[in-house]
């Protein structure tokens, strides 16, 4: 079931507890994915979104954004979290490559 011997993060070896905020946002091995997603959001919606912990965990809910923009952005966020889970629980290779493959696989759903 993937039960770890310790509650510290085994991805970044920082000694930090691997709580949900660390798992999906604060881990140094994960942070680069959010910069890539910010670029993808800009390319796909022409909106500049700075992803913070709240957006990464709970989604994008900007009141001034259209429903279509929110759908695209939240879909990208969901794909990102899938990639993070694959990286953390699977074979650890470059997270940006995992994201690239997932985006290619789902590209027709986003555009």
N, C-alpha and C. Protein backbone atom coordinates (compact mmCIF):
# COMPACT_ATOMS: atom_id res chain seq x y z
N UNK A 1 0.82 -1.20 0.00
CA UNK A 1 0.00 0.00 0.00
C UNK A 1 0.86 1.26 0.00
N UNK A 2 2.16 1.12 -0.01
CA UNK A 2 3.02 2.28 -0.06
C UNK A 2 3.22 2.95 1.29
N UNK A 3 3.03 2.22 2.37
CA UNK A 3 3.24 2.80 3.70
C UNK A 3 4.73 3.02 3.90
N UNK A 4 5.07 4.24 4.29
CA UNK A 4 6.47 4.59 4.47
C UNK A 4 6.92 4.33 5.89
N UNK A 5 8.21 4.15 6.06
CA UNK A 5 8.79 3.94 7.38
C UNK A 5 8.81 5.21 8.20
N UNK A 6 8.73 6.35 7.52
CA UNK A 6 8.84 7.64 8.18
C UNK A 6 7.84 8.61 7.55
N UNK A 7 7.48 9.65 8.27
CA UNK A 7 6.58 10.64 7.72
C UNK A 7 7.31 11.80 7.06
N UNK A 8 8.63 11.70 6.95
CA UNK A 8 9.38 12.74 6.26
C UNK A 8 9.37 12.48 4.76
N UNK A 9 9.53 13.56 4.00
CA UNK A 9 9.49 13.47 2.54
C UNK A 9 10.68 12.67 2.03
N UNK A 10 10.40 11.65 1.26
CA UNK A 10 11.48 10.84 0.69
C UNK A 10 11.85 11.28 -0.72
N UNK A 11 11.20 12.32 -1.22
CA UNK A 11 11.53 12.83 -2.56
C UNK A 11 12.63 13.89 -2.50
N UNK A 12 12.52 14.79 -1.55
CA UNK A 12 13.47 15.90 -1.50
C UNK A 12 14.49 15.75 -0.38
N UNK A 13 14.29 14.80 0.51
CA UNK A 13 15.21 14.56 1.62
C UNK A 13 15.47 15.82 2.45
N UNK A 14 14.45 16.66 2.57
CA UNK A 14 14.59 17.89 3.33
C UNK A 14 14.40 17.67 4.82
N UNK A 15 13.82 16.54 5.17
CA UNK A 15 13.49 16.29 6.56
C UNK A 15 12.11 16.82 6.93
N UNK A 16 11.43 17.48 5.97
CA UNK A 16 10.10 18.02 6.22
C UNK A 16 9.08 16.88 6.24
N UNK A 17 8.02 17.08 7.04
CA UNK A 17 6.92 16.12 7.04
C UNK A 17 6.24 16.15 5.68
N UNK A 18 5.85 14.99 5.22
CA UNK A 18 5.24 14.87 3.90
C UNK A 18 3.72 14.98 4.01
N UNK A 19 3.25 16.13 4.47
CA UNK A 19 1.83 16.40 4.55
C UNK A 19 1.33 16.81 3.17
N UNK A 20 0.04 16.96 2.98
CA UNK A 20 -0.52 17.18 1.65
C UNK A 20 0.01 18.44 0.98
N UNK A 21 0.21 19.51 1.76
CA UNK A 21 0.75 20.74 1.17
C UNK A 21 2.17 20.54 0.68
N UNK A 22 2.95 19.78 1.42
CA UNK A 22 4.32 19.49 0.99
C UNK A 22 4.31 18.56 -0.22
N UNK A 23 3.48 17.54 -0.16
CA UNK A 23 3.40 16.55 -1.23
C UNK A 23 3.10 17.19 -2.58
N UNK A 24 2.10 18.09 -2.63
CA UNK A 24 1.66 18.66 -3.90
C UNK A 24 2.22 20.05 -4.22
N UNK A 25 2.83 20.72 -3.24
CA UNK A 25 3.25 22.09 -3.55
C UNK A 25 4.64 22.47 -3.03
N UNK A 26 4.93 22.24 -1.78
CA UNK A 26 6.13 22.79 -1.15
C UNK A 26 7.40 21.99 -1.38
N UNK A 27 7.31 20.75 -1.78
CA UNK A 27 8.48 19.91 -2.01
C UNK A 27 9.36 20.52 -3.11
N UNK A 28 10.65 20.61 -2.83
CA UNK A 28 11.57 21.20 -3.80
C UNK A 28 11.61 20.42 -5.12
N UNK A 29 11.33 19.15 -5.09
CA UNK A 29 11.31 18.34 -6.32
C UNK A 29 10.05 18.60 -7.15
N UNK A 30 9.03 19.16 -6.51
CA UNK A 30 7.73 19.39 -7.16
C UNK A 30 7.60 20.81 -7.69
N UNK A 31 8.22 21.76 -7.04
CA UNK A 31 8.05 23.18 -7.39
C UNK A 31 8.23 23.50 -8.88
N UNK A 32 9.19 22.89 -9.57
CA UNK A 32 9.35 23.24 -11.00
C UNK A 32 8.12 22.98 -11.86
N UNK A 33 7.30 22.01 -11.48
CA UNK A 33 6.11 21.70 -12.29
C UNK A 33 5.15 22.89 -12.33
N UNK A 34 5.09 23.65 -11.25
CA UNK A 34 4.14 24.76 -11.19
C UNK A 34 4.55 25.91 -12.10
N UNK A 35 5.84 26.11 -12.30
CA UNK A 35 6.29 27.14 -13.26
C UNK A 35 5.93 26.72 -14.69
N UNK A 36 6.07 25.44 -14.98
CA UNK A 36 5.70 24.94 -16.31
C UNK A 36 4.20 25.12 -16.53
N UNK A 37 3.40 24.82 -15.52
CA UNK A 37 1.95 24.95 -15.64
C UNK A 37 1.56 26.42 -15.79
N UNK A 38 2.24 27.32 -15.12
CA UNK A 38 1.96 28.75 -15.32
C UNK A 38 2.17 29.13 -16.78
N UNK A 39 3.22 28.62 -17.39
CA UNK A 39 3.51 28.88 -18.81
C UNK A 39 2.43 28.26 -19.70
N UNK A 40 2.00 27.04 -19.38
CA UNK A 40 0.94 26.37 -20.14
C UNK A 40 -0.38 27.12 -20.04
N UNK A 41 -0.68 27.62 -18.86
CA UNK A 41 -1.92 28.38 -18.67
C UNK A 41 -1.88 29.63 -19.54
N UNK A 42 -0.76 30.32 -19.54
CA UNK A 42 -0.62 31.54 -20.35
C UNK A 42 -0.78 31.21 -21.84
N UNK A 43 -0.18 30.12 -22.27
CA UNK A 43 -0.25 29.74 -23.69
C UNK A 43 -1.66 29.31 -24.10
N UNK A 44 -2.39 28.68 -23.20
CA UNK A 44 -3.69 28.12 -23.56
C UNK A 44 -4.88 29.04 -23.27
N UNK A 45 -4.68 30.03 -22.36
CA UNK A 45 -5.80 30.90 -22.01
C UNK A 45 -5.47 32.39 -22.14
N UNK A 46 -4.20 32.69 -22.37
CA UNK A 46 -3.71 34.07 -22.42
C UNK A 46 -3.92 34.79 -21.09
N UNK A 47 -4.03 34.03 -20.01
CA UNK A 47 -4.14 34.59 -18.66
C UNK A 47 -2.84 34.32 -17.91
N UNK A 48 -2.41 35.29 -17.12
CA UNK A 48 -1.26 35.11 -16.26
C UNK A 48 -1.77 34.70 -14.88
N UNK A 49 -1.40 33.51 -14.47
CA UNK A 49 -1.81 32.98 -13.17
C UNK A 49 -0.56 32.57 -12.42
N UNK A 50 -0.37 33.15 -11.25
CA UNK A 50 0.72 32.72 -10.39
C UNK A 50 0.16 31.68 -9.44
N UNK A 51 0.66 30.47 -9.57
CA UNK A 51 0.13 29.38 -8.77
C UNK A 51 0.72 29.44 -7.37
N UNK A 52 -0.16 29.51 -6.41
CA UNK A 52 0.25 29.46 -5.02
C UNK A 52 -0.29 28.16 -4.43
N UNK A 53 -0.04 27.97 -3.14
CA UNK A 53 -0.46 26.73 -2.50
C UNK A 53 -1.97 26.52 -2.58
N UNK A 54 -2.74 27.58 -2.38
CA UNK A 54 -4.19 27.46 -2.41
C UNK A 54 -4.68 27.05 -3.80
N UNK A 55 -4.17 27.66 -4.85
CA UNK A 55 -4.59 27.30 -6.21
C UNK A 55 -4.15 25.88 -6.52
N UNK A 56 -2.93 25.52 -6.15
CA UNK A 56 -2.43 24.18 -6.44
C UNK A 56 -3.29 23.11 -5.77
N UNK A 57 -3.73 23.37 -4.56
CA UNK A 57 -4.48 22.36 -3.82
C UNK A 57 -5.97 22.39 -4.07
N UNK A 58 -6.54 23.59 -4.19
CA UNK A 58 -8.00 23.72 -4.24
C UNK A 58 -8.56 24.12 -5.60
N UNK A 59 -7.70 24.52 -6.51
CA UNK A 59 -8.16 24.89 -7.84
C UNK A 59 -8.23 26.39 -8.05
N UNK A 60 -8.54 26.75 -9.26
CA UNK A 60 -8.59 28.15 -9.68
C UNK A 60 -10.04 28.60 -9.72
N UNK A 61 -10.34 29.66 -8.96
CA UNK A 61 -11.73 30.11 -8.84
C UNK A 61 -11.83 31.63 -8.93
N UNK A 62 -11.05 32.23 -9.82
CA UNK A 62 -11.06 33.68 -9.98
C UNK A 62 -12.44 34.13 -10.49
N UNK A 63 -13.09 35.05 -9.79
CA UNK A 63 -14.44 35.45 -10.19
C UNK A 63 -14.52 36.14 -11.56
N UNK A 64 -13.43 36.78 -11.98
CA UNK A 64 -13.44 37.49 -13.26
C UNK A 64 -13.11 36.60 -14.46
N UNK A 65 -12.76 35.36 -14.21
CA UNK A 65 -12.43 34.45 -15.30
C UNK A 65 -13.70 33.82 -15.86
N UNK A 66 -13.67 33.52 -17.15
CA UNK A 66 -14.82 32.86 -17.76
C UNK A 66 -14.87 31.39 -17.31
N UNK A 67 -16.00 30.78 -17.49
CA UNK A 67 -16.16 29.37 -17.13
C UNK A 67 -15.20 28.49 -17.94
N UNK A 68 -14.99 28.84 -19.20
CA UNK A 68 -14.08 28.07 -20.05
C UNK A 68 -12.63 28.21 -19.58
N UNK A 69 -12.23 29.42 -19.19
CA UNK A 69 -10.88 29.62 -18.66
C UNK A 69 -10.68 28.82 -17.38
N UNK A 70 -11.65 28.86 -16.49
CA UNK A 70 -11.56 28.10 -15.25
C UNK A 70 -11.46 26.60 -15.53
N UNK A 71 -12.25 26.12 -16.49
CA UNK A 71 -12.21 24.71 -16.83
C UNK A 71 -10.83 24.30 -17.33
N UNK A 72 -10.27 25.08 -18.25
CA UNK A 72 -8.95 24.76 -18.79
C UNK A 72 -7.87 24.80 -17.72
N UNK A 73 -7.91 25.84 -16.89
CA UNK A 73 -6.90 25.99 -15.85
C UNK A 73 -7.01 24.86 -14.82
N UNK A 74 -8.21 24.55 -14.40
CA UNK A 74 -8.39 23.49 -13.41
C UNK A 74 -8.05 22.12 -13.99
N UNK A 75 -8.27 21.95 -15.28
CA UNK A 75 -7.87 20.69 -15.92
C UNK A 75 -6.35 20.56 -15.91
N UNK A 76 -5.64 21.65 -16.21
CA UNK A 76 -4.18 21.63 -16.15
C UNK A 76 -3.70 21.35 -14.72
N UNK A 77 -4.36 21.92 -13.75
CA UNK A 77 -3.98 21.68 -12.35
C UNK A 77 -4.19 20.21 -11.98
N UNK A 78 -5.29 19.62 -12.44
CA UNK A 78 -5.55 18.21 -12.16
C UNK A 78 -4.50 17.31 -12.81
N UNK A 79 -4.14 17.63 -14.05
CA UNK A 79 -3.09 16.85 -14.73
C UNK A 79 -1.78 16.98 -13.97
N UNK A 80 -1.49 18.17 -13.47
CA UNK A 80 -0.26 18.39 -12.70
C UNK A 80 -0.23 17.51 -11.45
N UNK A 81 -1.35 17.44 -10.75
CA UNK A 81 -1.39 16.63 -9.53
C UNK A 81 -1.27 15.14 -9.86
N UNK A 82 -1.82 14.73 -10.98
CA UNK A 82 -1.63 13.35 -11.43
C UNK A 82 -0.15 13.08 -11.66
N UNK A 83 0.53 14.01 -12.31
CA UNK A 83 1.96 13.85 -12.59
C UNK A 83 2.78 13.81 -11.31
N UNK A 84 2.40 14.64 -10.35
CA UNK A 84 3.09 14.63 -9.06
C UNK A 84 2.93 13.27 -8.39
N UNK A 85 1.73 12.73 -8.42
CA UNK A 85 1.50 11.40 -7.83
C UNK A 85 2.30 10.33 -8.56
N UNK A 86 2.34 10.40 -9.88
CA UNK A 86 3.14 9.43 -10.64
C UNK A 86 4.61 9.55 -10.29
N UNK A 87 5.08 10.77 -10.16
CA UNK A 87 6.48 11.00 -9.80
C UNK A 87 6.78 10.48 -8.40
N UNK A 88 5.89 10.77 -7.46
CA UNK A 88 6.16 10.42 -6.07
C UNK A 88 6.01 8.92 -5.82
N UNK A 89 5.08 8.25 -6.51
CA UNK A 89 4.82 6.84 -6.24
C UNK A 89 5.41 5.90 -7.29
N UNK A 90 5.84 6.44 -8.40
CA UNK A 90 6.35 5.59 -9.47
C UNK A 90 7.86 5.68 -9.57
N UNK A 91 8.34 5.38 -10.74
CA UNK A 91 9.76 5.49 -11.01
C UNK A 91 10.09 6.98 -11.05
N UNK A 92 11.08 7.39 -10.30
CA UNK A 92 11.42 8.81 -10.21
C UNK A 92 12.37 9.20 -11.33
N UNK A 93 11.80 9.74 -12.38
CA UNK A 93 12.62 10.43 -13.36
C UNK A 93 12.09 11.83 -13.46
N UNK A 94 12.56 12.59 -14.37
CA UNK A 94 12.24 14.01 -14.40
C UNK A 94 10.74 14.28 -14.45
N UNK A 95 10.28 15.03 -13.49
CA UNK A 95 8.85 15.33 -13.39
C UNK A 95 8.37 16.12 -14.60
N UNK A 96 9.25 16.94 -15.17
CA UNK A 96 8.83 17.71 -16.34
C UNK A 96 8.57 16.80 -17.54
N UNK A 97 9.26 15.68 -17.63
CA UNK A 97 9.00 14.72 -18.71
C UNK A 97 7.68 14.00 -18.50
N UNK A 98 7.38 13.69 -17.25
CA UNK A 98 6.08 13.07 -16.94
C UNK A 98 4.96 14.02 -17.35
N UNK A 99 5.11 15.29 -16.98
CA UNK A 99 4.10 16.29 -17.33
C UNK A 99 3.98 16.45 -18.84
N UNK A 100 5.10 16.51 -19.53
CA UNK A 100 5.07 16.66 -20.99
C UNK A 100 4.28 15.51 -21.65
N UNK A 101 4.53 14.29 -21.21
CA UNK A 101 3.82 13.13 -21.77
C UNK A 101 2.33 13.18 -21.45
N UNK A 102 1.98 13.54 -20.25
CA UNK A 102 0.57 13.62 -19.87
C UNK A 102 -0.14 14.73 -20.65
N UNK A 103 0.51 15.85 -20.85
CA UNK A 103 -0.10 16.94 -21.63
C UNK A 103 -0.27 16.53 -23.09
N UNK A 104 0.71 15.82 -23.64
CA UNK A 104 0.57 15.33 -25.00
C UNK A 104 -0.59 14.36 -25.11
N UNK A 105 -0.70 13.48 -24.14
CA UNK A 105 -1.77 12.48 -24.14
C UNK A 105 -3.15 13.12 -24.06
N UNK A 106 -3.25 14.20 -23.30
CA UNK A 106 -4.55 14.83 -23.05
C UNK A 106 -4.75 16.13 -23.81
N UNK A 107 -3.86 16.45 -24.70
CA UNK A 107 -3.90 17.75 -25.39
C UNK A 107 -5.25 18.01 -26.05
N UNK A 108 -5.83 17.03 -26.65
CA UNK A 108 -7.11 17.24 -27.34
C UNK A 108 -8.23 17.59 -26.37
N UNK A 109 -8.06 17.27 -25.10
CA UNK A 109 -9.10 17.59 -24.12
C UNK A 109 -9.01 19.02 -23.62
N UNK A 110 -7.82 19.60 -23.68
CA UNK A 110 -7.61 20.93 -23.11
C UNK A 110 -7.97 22.03 -24.10
N UNK A 111 -7.57 21.86 -25.32
CA UNK A 111 -7.75 22.95 -26.31
C UNK A 111 -9.18 23.09 -26.75
